[in-house]
């Protein structure tokens, strides 16, 4: 699945969330609320990472870790689409910039 495919799927699910909310006489989440949900998911992810480090071990940890990473990715895909950010392009640009910056910090070969 490409990043574009994942973004389209994430937006389809966002639309379904809005439809379910409407069927229950609730309004759809704003982008601000998607961001707040993301912050909560990052907190949950942090707890799972601690679990992997042995601080908070529990059963089903790897399954939950994968789920939480996917939750976080969903939020990032939705937010980037809603704000018109080319996430793929921005990621490529950032990685190139970081790579160049880090390579410059390495000692020169003999």
C-alpha atoms as a PDB file:
ATOM      1  CA  UNK A   1       0.000   0.000   0.000  1.00  0.00           C
ATOM      2  CA  UNK A   2       1.436   3.388  -0.970  1.00  0.00           C
ATOM      3  CA  UNK A   3       1.308   6.505   1.159  1.00  0.00           C
ATOM      4  CA  UNK A   4      -1.366   7.872  -1.177  1.00  0.00           C
ATOM      5  CA  UNK A   5      -3.413   4.679  -0.733  1.00  0.00           C
ATOM      6  CA  UNK A   6      -3.051   4.928   3.043  1.00  0.00           C
ATOM      7  CA  UNK A   7      -4.104   8.590   2.995  1.00  0.00           C
ATOM      8  CA  UNK A   8      -7.188   7.804   0.904  1.00  0.00           C
ATOM      9  CA  UNK A   9      -8.125   4.971   3.280  1.00  0.00           C
ATOM     10  CA  UNK A  10      -7.566   7.216   6.310  1.00  0.00           C
ATOM     11  CA  UNK A  11      -9.873   9.858   4.820  1.00  0.00           C
ATOM     12  CA  UNK A  12     -12.520   7.227   4.042  1.00  0.00           C
ATOM     13  CA  UNK A  13     -12.427   6.140   7.672  1.00  0.00           C
ATOM     14  CA  UNK A  14     -12.612   9.785   8.795  1.00  0.00           C
ATOM     15  CA  UNK A  15     -15.754  10.167   6.682  1.00  0.00           C
ATOM     16  CA  UNK A  16     -17.224   7.035   8.278  1.00  0.00           C
ATOM     17  CA  UNK A  17     -16.470   8.403  11.760  1.00  0.00           C
ATOM     18  CA  UNK A  18     -18.353  11.575  10.788  1.00  0.00           C
ATOM     19  CA  UNK A  19     -21.304   9.549   9.481  1.00  0.00           C
ATOM     20  CA  UNK A  20     -21.488   7.510  12.687  1.00  0.00           C
ATOM     21  CA  UNK A  21     -21.307  10.721  14.731  1.00  0.00           C
ATOM     22  CA  UNK A  22     -24.124  12.253  12.649  1.00  0.00           C
ATOM     23  CA  UNK A  23     -26.262   9.133  13.119  1.00  0.00           C
ATOM     24  CA  UNK A  24     -25.859   9.620  16.876  1.00  0.00           C
ATOM     25  CA  UNK A  25     -26.710  13.338  16.701  1.00  0.00           C
ATOM     26  CA  UNK A  26     -23.117  14.362  17.350  1.00  0.00           C
ATOM     27  CA  UNK A  27     -20.929  16.591  15.260  1.00  0.00           C
ATOM     28  CA  UNK A  28     -17.831  15.338  13.456  1.00  0.00           C
ATOM     29  CA  UNK A  29     -14.430  15.963  14.971  1.00  0.00           C
ATOM     30  CA  UNK A  30     -12.619  19.118  13.907  1.00  0.00           C
ATOM     31  CA  UNK A  31      -8.957  19.006  12.917  1.00  0.00           C
ATOM     32  CA  UNK A  32      -8.203  20.386  16.393  1.00  0.00           C
ATOM     33  CA  UNK A  33      -9.916  17.363  17.927  1.00  0.00           C
ATOM     34  CA  UNK A  34      -8.088  14.989  15.584  1.00  0.00           C
ATOM     35  CA  UNK A  35      -4.885  16.584  16.885  1.00  0.00           C
ATOM     36  CA  UNK A  36      -5.979  16.118  20.504  1.00  0.00           C
ATOM     37  CA  UNK A  37      -6.783  12.478  19.739  1.00  0.00           C
ATOM     38  CA  UNK A  38      -3.306  12.128  18.254  1.00  0.00           C
ATOM     39  CA  UNK A  39      -1.755  13.518  21.436  1.00  0.00           C
ATOM     40  CA  UNK A  40      -3.680  10.905  23.440  1.00  0.00           C
ATOM     41  CA  UNK A  41      -2.524   8.171  21.074  1.00  0.00           C
ATOM     42  CA  UNK A  42       1.094   9.327  21.434  1.00  0.00           C
ATOM     43  CA  UNK A  43       0.683   9.044  25.214  1.00  0.00           C
ATOM     44  CA  UNK A  44      -0.644   5.508  24.808  1.00  0.00           C
ATOM     45  CA  UNK A  45       2.257   4.731  22.481  1.00  0.00           C
ATOM     46  CA  UNK A  46       4.730   6.026  25.068  1.00  0.00           C
ATOM     47  CA  UNK A  47       3.315   3.618  27.656  1.00  0.00           C
ATOM     48  CA  UNK A  48       3.679   0.711  25.241  1.00  0.00           C
ATOM     49  CA  UNK A  49       7.264   1.678  24.449  1.00  0.00           C
ATOM     50  CA  UNK A  50       7.925   1.623  28.196  1.00  0.00           C
ATOM     51  CA  UNK A  51       6.373  -1.827  28.241  1.00  0.00           C
ATOM     52  CA  UNK A  52       8.794  -2.984  25.562  1.00  0.00           C
ATOM     53  CA  UNK A  53      11.632  -1.576  27.677  1.00  0.00           C
ATOM     54  CA  UNK A  54      10.452  -3.722  30.597  1.00  0.00           C
ATOM     55  CA  UNK A  55       9.047  -0.844  32.651  1.00  0.00           C
ATOM     56  CA  UNK A  56       5.377  -1.653  32.031  1.00  0.00           C
ATOM     57  CA  UNK A  57       5.316  -5.183  30.622  1.00  0.00           C
ATOM     58  CA  UNK A  58       1.991  -6.821  29.823  1.00  0.00           C
ATOM     59  CA  UNK A  59       0.553  -9.489  27.534  1.00  0.00           C
ATOM     60  CA  UNK A  60      -0.328  -8.646  23.917  1.00  0.00           C
ATOM     61  CA  UNK A  61       2.229  -5.835  23.965  1.00  0.00           C
ATOM     62  CA  UNK A  62       3.453  -6.236  20.374  1.00  0.00           C
ATOM     63  CA  UNK A  63      -0.099  -6.343  19.006  1.00  0.00           C
ATOM     64  CA  UNK A  64      -1.042  -3.230  20.973  1.00  0.00           C
ATOM     65  CA  UNK A  65       2.150  -1.458  19.887  1.00  0.00           C
ATOM     66  CA  UNK A  66       1.341  -2.084  16.226  1.00  0.00           C
ATOM     67  CA  UNK A  67      -2.221  -0.877  16.744  1.00  0.00           C
ATOM     68  CA  UNK A  68      -1.104   2.328  18.463  1.00  0.00           C
ATOM     69  CA  UNK A  69       1.508   3.088  15.789  1.00  0.00           C
ATOM     70  CA  UNK A  70      -1.230   2.676  13.169  1.00  0.00           C
ATOM     71  CA  UNK A  71      -3.539   4.982  15.194  1.00  0.00           C
ATOM     72  CA  UNK A  72      -0.815   7.632  15.213  1.00  0.00           C
ATOM     73  CA  UNK A  73      -0.218   7.209  11.490  1.00  0.00           C
ATOM     74  CA  UNK A  74      -3.954   7.623  10.816  1.00  0.00           C
ATOM     75  CA  UNK A  75      -3.936  10.963  12.614  1.00  0.00           C
ATOM     76  CA  UNK A  76      -0.848  12.158  10.734  1.00  0.00           C
ATOM     77  CA  UNK A  77      -2.321  11.147   7.380  1.00  0.00           C
ATOM     78  CA  UNK A  78      -5.634  12.889   8.114  1.00  0.00           C
ATOM     79  CA  UNK A  79      -3.982  16.052   9.428  1.00  0.00           C
ATOM     80  CA  UNK A  80      -1.596  16.297   6.480  1.00  0.00           C
ATOM     81  CA  UNK A  81      -4.461  15.844   4.017  1.00  0.00           C
ATOM     82  CA  UNK A  82      -6.710  18.358   5.761  1.00  0.00           C
ATOM     83  CA  UNK A  83      -3.942  20.969   5.848  1.00  0.00           C
ATOM     84  CA  UNK A  84      -2.862  20.282   2.257  1.00  0.00           C
ATOM     85  CA  UNK A  85       0.604  19.088   3.222  1.00  0.00           C
ATOM     86  CA  UNK A  86       2.462  16.815   0.816  1.00  0.00           C
ATOM     87  CA  UNK A  87       3.636  14.472   3.545  1.00  0.00           C
ATOM     88  CA  UNK A  88       5.609  12.270   1.174  1.00  0.00           C
ATOM     89  CA  UNK A  89       7.442  15.258  -0.286  1.00  0.00           C
ATOM     90  CA  UNK A  90       8.058  16.826   3.120  1.00  0.00           C
ATOM     91  CA  UNK A  91       9.394  13.552   4.495  1.00  0.00           C
ATOM     92  CA  UNK A  92      11.759  13.093   1.535  1.00  0.00           C
ATOM     93  CA  UNK A  93      12.983  16.669   1.863  1.00  0.00           C
ATOM     94  CA  UNK A  94      13.518  16.370   5.616  1.00  0.00           C
ATOM     95  CA  UNK A  95      15.410  13.086   5.311  1.00  0.00           C
ATOM     96  CA  UNK A  96      17.674  14.554   2.627  1.00  0.00           C
ATOM     97  CA  UNK A  97      18.359  17.652   4.726  1.00  0.00           C
ATOM     98  CA  UNK A  98      19.069  15.590   7.839  1.00  0.00           C
ATOM     99  CA  UNK A  99      21.313  13.207   5.951  1.00  0.00           C
ATOM    100  CA  UNK A 100      23.379  16.045   4.506  1.00  0.00           C
ATOM    101  CA  UNK A 101      23.610  17.775   7.870  1.00  0.00           C
ATOM    102  CA  UNK A 102      24.712  14.609   9.645  1.00  0.00           C
ATOM    103  CA  UNK A 103      27.190  13.627   6.938  1.00  0.00           C
ATOM    104  CA  UNK A 104      28.844  17.056   7.305  1.00  0.00           C
ATOM    105  CA  UNK A 105      29.366  16.345  11.017  1.00  0.00           C
ATOM    106  CA  UNK A 106      31.260  13.122  10.363  1.00  0.00           C
ATOM    107  CA  UNK A 107      35.039  13.265  10.450  1.00  0.00           C
ATOM    108  CA  UNK A 108      36.669  13.561   7.047  1.00  0.00           C
ATOM    109  CA  UNK A 109      38.007  10.247   5.726  1.00  0.00           C
ATOM    110  CA  UNK A 110      41.806   9.861   5.856  1.00  0.00           C
END
